Protein backbone atom coordinates (compact mmCIF):
# COMPACT_ATOMS: atom_id res chain seq x y z
CA MET A 1 222.06 84.25 281.10
CA GLN A 2 221.54 86.91 283.77
CA PHE A 3 218.20 88.65 284.37
CA ASN A 4 217.87 92.28 285.35
CA THR A 5 215.78 91.89 288.51
CA SER A 6 215.08 95.60 288.89
CA LYS A 7 213.86 95.87 285.32
CA LEU A 8 211.55 92.87 285.74
CA LEU A 9 210.07 94.30 288.93
CA SER A 10 209.57 97.68 287.28
CA THR A 11 207.81 96.09 284.30
CA ALA A 12 205.57 93.99 286.56
CA MET A 13 204.61 97.01 288.64
CA GLY A 14 203.86 99.00 285.50
CA LEU A 15 201.60 96.26 284.15
CA SER A 16 199.79 95.99 287.49
CA LEU A 17 199.22 99.73 287.64
CA THR A 18 197.92 99.79 284.04
CA LEU A 19 195.53 96.91 284.81
CA PHE A 20 194.29 98.67 287.96
CA LEU A 21 193.63 101.89 286.06
CA VAL A 22 191.74 100.04 283.31
CA ILE A 23 189.59 98.20 285.86
CA PHE A 24 189.02 101.36 287.89
CA ALA A 25 188.05 103.32 284.78
CA GLY A 26 185.72 100.52 283.70
CA ASN A 27 184.06 100.35 287.11
CA THR A 28 183.64 104.13 287.21
CA LYS A 29 182.08 104.10 283.75
CA ALA A 30 179.76 101.26 284.74
CA SER A 31 178.80 103.14 287.91
CA ILE A 32 177.77 106.23 285.91
CA HIS A 33 175.62 104.16 283.56
CA GLN A 34 174.05 102.26 286.44
CA SER A 35 173.32 105.53 288.22
CA ILE A 36 171.47 106.84 285.15
CA GLN A 37 169.43 103.63 284.98
CA GLN A 38 168.49 103.90 288.66
CA GLN A 39 167.56 107.57 288.34
CA ALA A 40 165.45 106.84 285.25
CA GLU A 41 163.59 104.13 287.18
CA LEU A 42 162.98 106.52 290.09
CA TYR A 43 161.76 109.24 287.71
CA VAL A 44 159.23 106.87 286.12
CA GLN A 45 158.16 105.52 289.52
CA GLN A 46 157.38 109.05 290.68
CA ASN A 47 155.70 110.27 287.48
CA ALA A 48 154.10 107.34 285.65
CA ILE A 49 150.37 106.60 285.78
CA ILE A 50 150.36 103.74 288.29
CA ASP A 51 147.41 101.62 289.41
CA THR A 52 147.81 101.59 293.18
CA SER A 53 146.00 98.25 293.44
CA ALA A 54 148.43 96.53 291.05
CA ASP A 55 151.78 94.86 291.63
CA VAL A 56 154.33 97.12 289.93
CA ASN A 57 157.80 96.32 288.59
CA ILE A 58 159.82 99.14 286.98
CA THR A 59 163.02 98.28 285.12
CA ALA A 60 165.25 100.52 283.02
CA SER A 61 167.06 99.07 280.04
CA VAL A 62 170.80 98.53 280.43
CA ILE A 63 172.67 101.48 278.94
CA ASP A 64 175.45 100.51 276.56
CA LYS A 65 178.71 101.09 278.41
CA ARG A 66 180.34 102.24 275.17
CA ILE A 67 178.18 105.38 275.29
CA HIS A 68 180.24 108.27 276.56
CA VAL A 69 178.63 110.14 279.45
CA PRO A 70 180.39 113.47 280.00
CA LYS A 71 180.84 115.03 283.40
CA CYS A 72 177.86 117.23 284.22
CA PRO A 73 178.37 120.07 286.74
CA VAL A 74 174.69 119.95 287.70
CA PRO A 75 172.31 117.02 288.30
CA LEU A 76 171.09 115.26 285.16
CA ALA A 77 167.52 116.04 284.09
CA PHE A 78 164.96 113.35 283.22
CA GLU A 79 161.77 113.89 281.23
CA ALA A 80 159.03 112.05 279.37
CA SER A 81 155.71 113.17 277.85
CA ASN A 82 152.47 112.65 279.78
CA SER A 83 151.17 110.29 277.10
CA ASN A 84 154.39 108.28 277.26
CA LEU A 85 154.13 107.96 281.02
CA LYS A 86 150.88 106.03 280.52
CA GLN A 87 152.60 103.35 278.44
CA THR A 88 154.26 100.10 279.49
CA ASN A 89 157.42 101.14 277.65
CA VAL A 90 158.39 104.67 278.69
CA SER A 91 160.99 106.56 276.67
CA VAL A 92 162.93 108.83 279.02
CA LYS A 93 165.17 111.65 277.80
CA VAL A 94 168.26 112.22 279.94
CA THR A 95 170.05 115.55 279.54
CA CYS A 96 172.83 117.58 281.08
CA PRO A 97 171.23 121.06 281.37
CA ASN A 98 174.57 122.88 281.00
CA THR A 99 175.54 121.12 277.75
CA ASN A 100 173.97 119.80 274.56
CA TRP A 101 174.47 116.20 275.66
CA TYR A 102 171.47 113.90 275.93
CA LEU A 103 170.42 110.30 275.49
CA PHE A 104 167.17 108.35 275.45
CA THR A 105 166.66 105.29 277.59
CA SER A 106 163.73 102.91 277.86
CA VAL A 107 161.98 102.03 281.11
CA GLN A 108 159.60 99.07 281.31
CA VAL A 109 156.58 99.47 283.60
CA GLU A 110 154.98 96.13 284.39
CA GLN A 111 151.71 96.33 286.32
CA THR A 112 150.01 93.05 287.12
CA LYS A 113 147.08 91.75 289.15
CA PRO A 114 146.36 88.21 290.37
CA VAL A 115 143.26 87.01 288.51
CA VAL A 116 141.51 83.70 287.90
CA VAL A 117 142.21 81.98 284.56
CA THR A 118 141.28 78.62 283.07
CA SER A 119 143.73 75.71 283.16
CA GLU A 120 142.26 73.85 280.16
CA THR A 121 139.97 74.17 277.16
CA LEU A 122 136.33 74.29 278.29
CA SER A 123 133.11 74.11 276.29
CA PRO A 124 129.91 76.15 276.76
CA GLY A 125 127.96 74.85 279.75
CA SER A 126 131.09 73.58 281.51
CA LEU A 127 130.99 73.79 285.30
CA LEU A 128 133.85 75.70 286.89
CA THR A 129 135.74 73.79 289.57
CA ALA A 130 138.91 74.15 291.62
CA ARG A 131 140.61 71.80 289.12
CA ASN A 132 140.02 73.82 285.96
CA LEU A 133 140.88 77.21 287.48
CA TYR A 134 144.04 78.82 288.84
CA ILE A 135 145.36 82.28 289.69
CA ALA A 136 147.92 84.03 287.48
CA ASP A 137 149.58 87.45 287.50
CA ILE A 138 148.23 89.22 284.41
CA PRO A 139 149.26 92.66 283.02
CA ILE A 140 146.46 95.13 283.76
CA ASN A 141 146.30 96.26 280.12
CA ARG A 142 144.95 92.79 279.29
CA LEU A 143 142.14 92.96 281.83
CA ARG A 144 138.65 93.71 280.52
CA GLY A 145 135.40 93.84 282.47
CA SER A 146 134.92 92.38 285.94
CA THR A 147 137.56 89.79 286.83
CA TYR A 148 138.02 87.55 289.86
CA SER A 149 140.93 87.09 292.24
CA ASN A 150 139.50 84.12 294.15
CA THR A 151 138.78 80.72 292.59
CA GLU A 152 136.42 79.70 295.39
CA LYS A 153 133.86 82.35 294.38
CA LEU A 154 133.65 80.87 290.89
CA VAL A 155 133.21 77.20 291.77
CA GLY A 156 129.79 76.08 290.53
CA ALA A 157 129.35 78.81 287.91
CA ARG A 158 128.93 77.77 284.27
CA LEU A 159 130.50 79.03 281.07
CA LYS A 160 128.40 80.53 278.31
CA ARG A 161 131.07 80.12 275.62
CA ARG A 162 134.15 78.11 274.76
CA VAL A 163 137.42 79.16 276.41
CA ARG A 164 141.04 78.17 275.92
CA PRO A 165 143.73 77.42 278.55
CA GLY A 166 144.99 80.52 280.34
CA GLN A 167 141.94 82.62 279.45
CA ILE A 168 140.92 85.29 281.94
CA ILE A 169 137.51 84.69 283.51
CA ASN A 170 135.16 87.68 283.48
CA ASN A 171 131.44 88.20 284.05
CA SER A 172 130.54 88.28 280.37
CA MET A 173 131.50 84.63 279.83
CA LEU A 174 129.65 82.95 282.72
CA CYS A 175 126.49 82.73 284.77
CA PHE A 176 126.04 81.70 288.40
CA VAL A 177 122.36 81.28 287.59
CA CYS A 178 121.52 80.47 283.98
CA LYS A 179 118.18 80.95 282.27
CA GLY A 180 115.98 77.87 282.86
CA ASP A 181 117.90 76.75 285.97
CA LYS A 182 116.02 75.47 288.98
CA VAL A 183 116.91 77.83 291.82
CA THR A 184 116.21 78.26 295.49
CA ILE A 185 114.44 81.53 296.29
CA THR A 186 115.19 82.74 299.80
CA ALA A 187 112.87 85.35 301.27
CA VAL A 188 114.37 87.20 304.19
CA SER A 189 112.63 89.38 306.79
CA THR A 190 113.41 90.24 310.40
CA GLY A 191 114.11 86.97 312.21
CA LEU A 192 112.54 84.87 309.45
CA GLN A 193 113.80 83.11 306.34
CA LEU A 194 111.62 81.27 303.83
CA LYS A 195 112.79 79.06 300.98
CA VAL A 196 110.82 78.11 297.86
CA SER A 197 111.75 76.64 294.48
CA GLY A 198 111.82 78.71 291.33
CA ILE A 199 112.90 78.85 287.69
CA ALA A 200 115.36 81.50 286.48
CA GLN A 201 114.04 83.57 283.59
CA GLN A 202 117.42 85.23 282.93
CA ASP A 203 121.16 84.61 283.23
CA GLY A 204 122.74 86.25 286.24
CA ASN A 205 126.04 86.66 288.07
CA LEU A 206 126.70 87.43 291.72
CA GLY A 207 124.82 90.57 292.75
CA ASP A 208 122.73 90.77 289.57
CA THR A 209 118.97 91.27 289.80
CA ILE A 210 117.10 88.82 287.57
CA ARG A 211 113.52 87.67 287.01
CA VAL A 212 112.61 84.38 288.69
CA GLN A 213 109.35 82.46 288.53
CA ASN A 214 107.99 80.88 291.71
CA ALA A 215 107.55 77.20 290.82
CA ALA A 216 104.41 76.85 292.98
CA SER A 217 102.53 80.11 292.40
CA LYS A 218 103.93 80.78 288.90
CA LYS A 219 104.37 84.38 289.98
CA THR A 220 107.45 86.16 288.60
CA VAL A 221 109.56 88.21 291.02
CA SER A 222 112.82 90.16 290.88
CA ALA A 223 115.57 88.54 292.93
CA THR A 224 119.28 89.04 293.57
CA VAL A 225 121.76 86.29 292.69
CA ALA A 226 123.33 85.29 296.02
CA SER A 227 125.37 82.23 294.95
CA THR A 228 125.24 79.32 292.54
CA ASN A 229 121.54 78.52 291.96
CA VAL A 230 120.43 80.65 294.92
CA VAL A 231 118.60 83.99 294.68
CA SER A 232 117.17 86.19 297.42
CA ILE A 233 114.32 88.66 297.83
CA GLN A 234 113.46 91.03 300.63
CA ILE A 235 110.01 90.86 302.26
């Protein structure tokens, strides 16, 4: 049996060309969809309500490559409502201004902050230590009240209620000085520092002003919580 070499070569070349065109077309289509995703991310980055102190990650959803994107003679337009731009899931409308074509794509805006959370279940009165605390990146929409980004500042404080593992620590659930605690009252003046014992009459966190009774004189004074079981007054 004799083979027609020219015919075989022609067929092979035709198949190769067809495969190249399919791959090229696919890559071009993918490039258009990827470009829309990137532009949608940039639009949200420039227009969303962003907390400048947070770590931000903006990611557009993958656009289905089966969606036909027509050629647009002018740059595509991107828009979202002001209320939508405040959300974690932003719906962005993409349009070609010269045609009726449009599509909606979703852009995720993840804003997180490193905050101190508990590593285990703790009961009321539990002492916070380096072992039962750690730092985690938490979405800012979950943060309520005053939180902490440093575990060292919390060591020695006590919980006022039961907490579960992974719970965010905030001021409302703890006290650095608890009512009834024996505390050291430091009185500071120019070049002089005095220390006396006292009894806390209120719960307090760092920077709070609470009432403290001098253990010796029984006189009650207002003092600022300086650290665990230490308060200070100015004289």
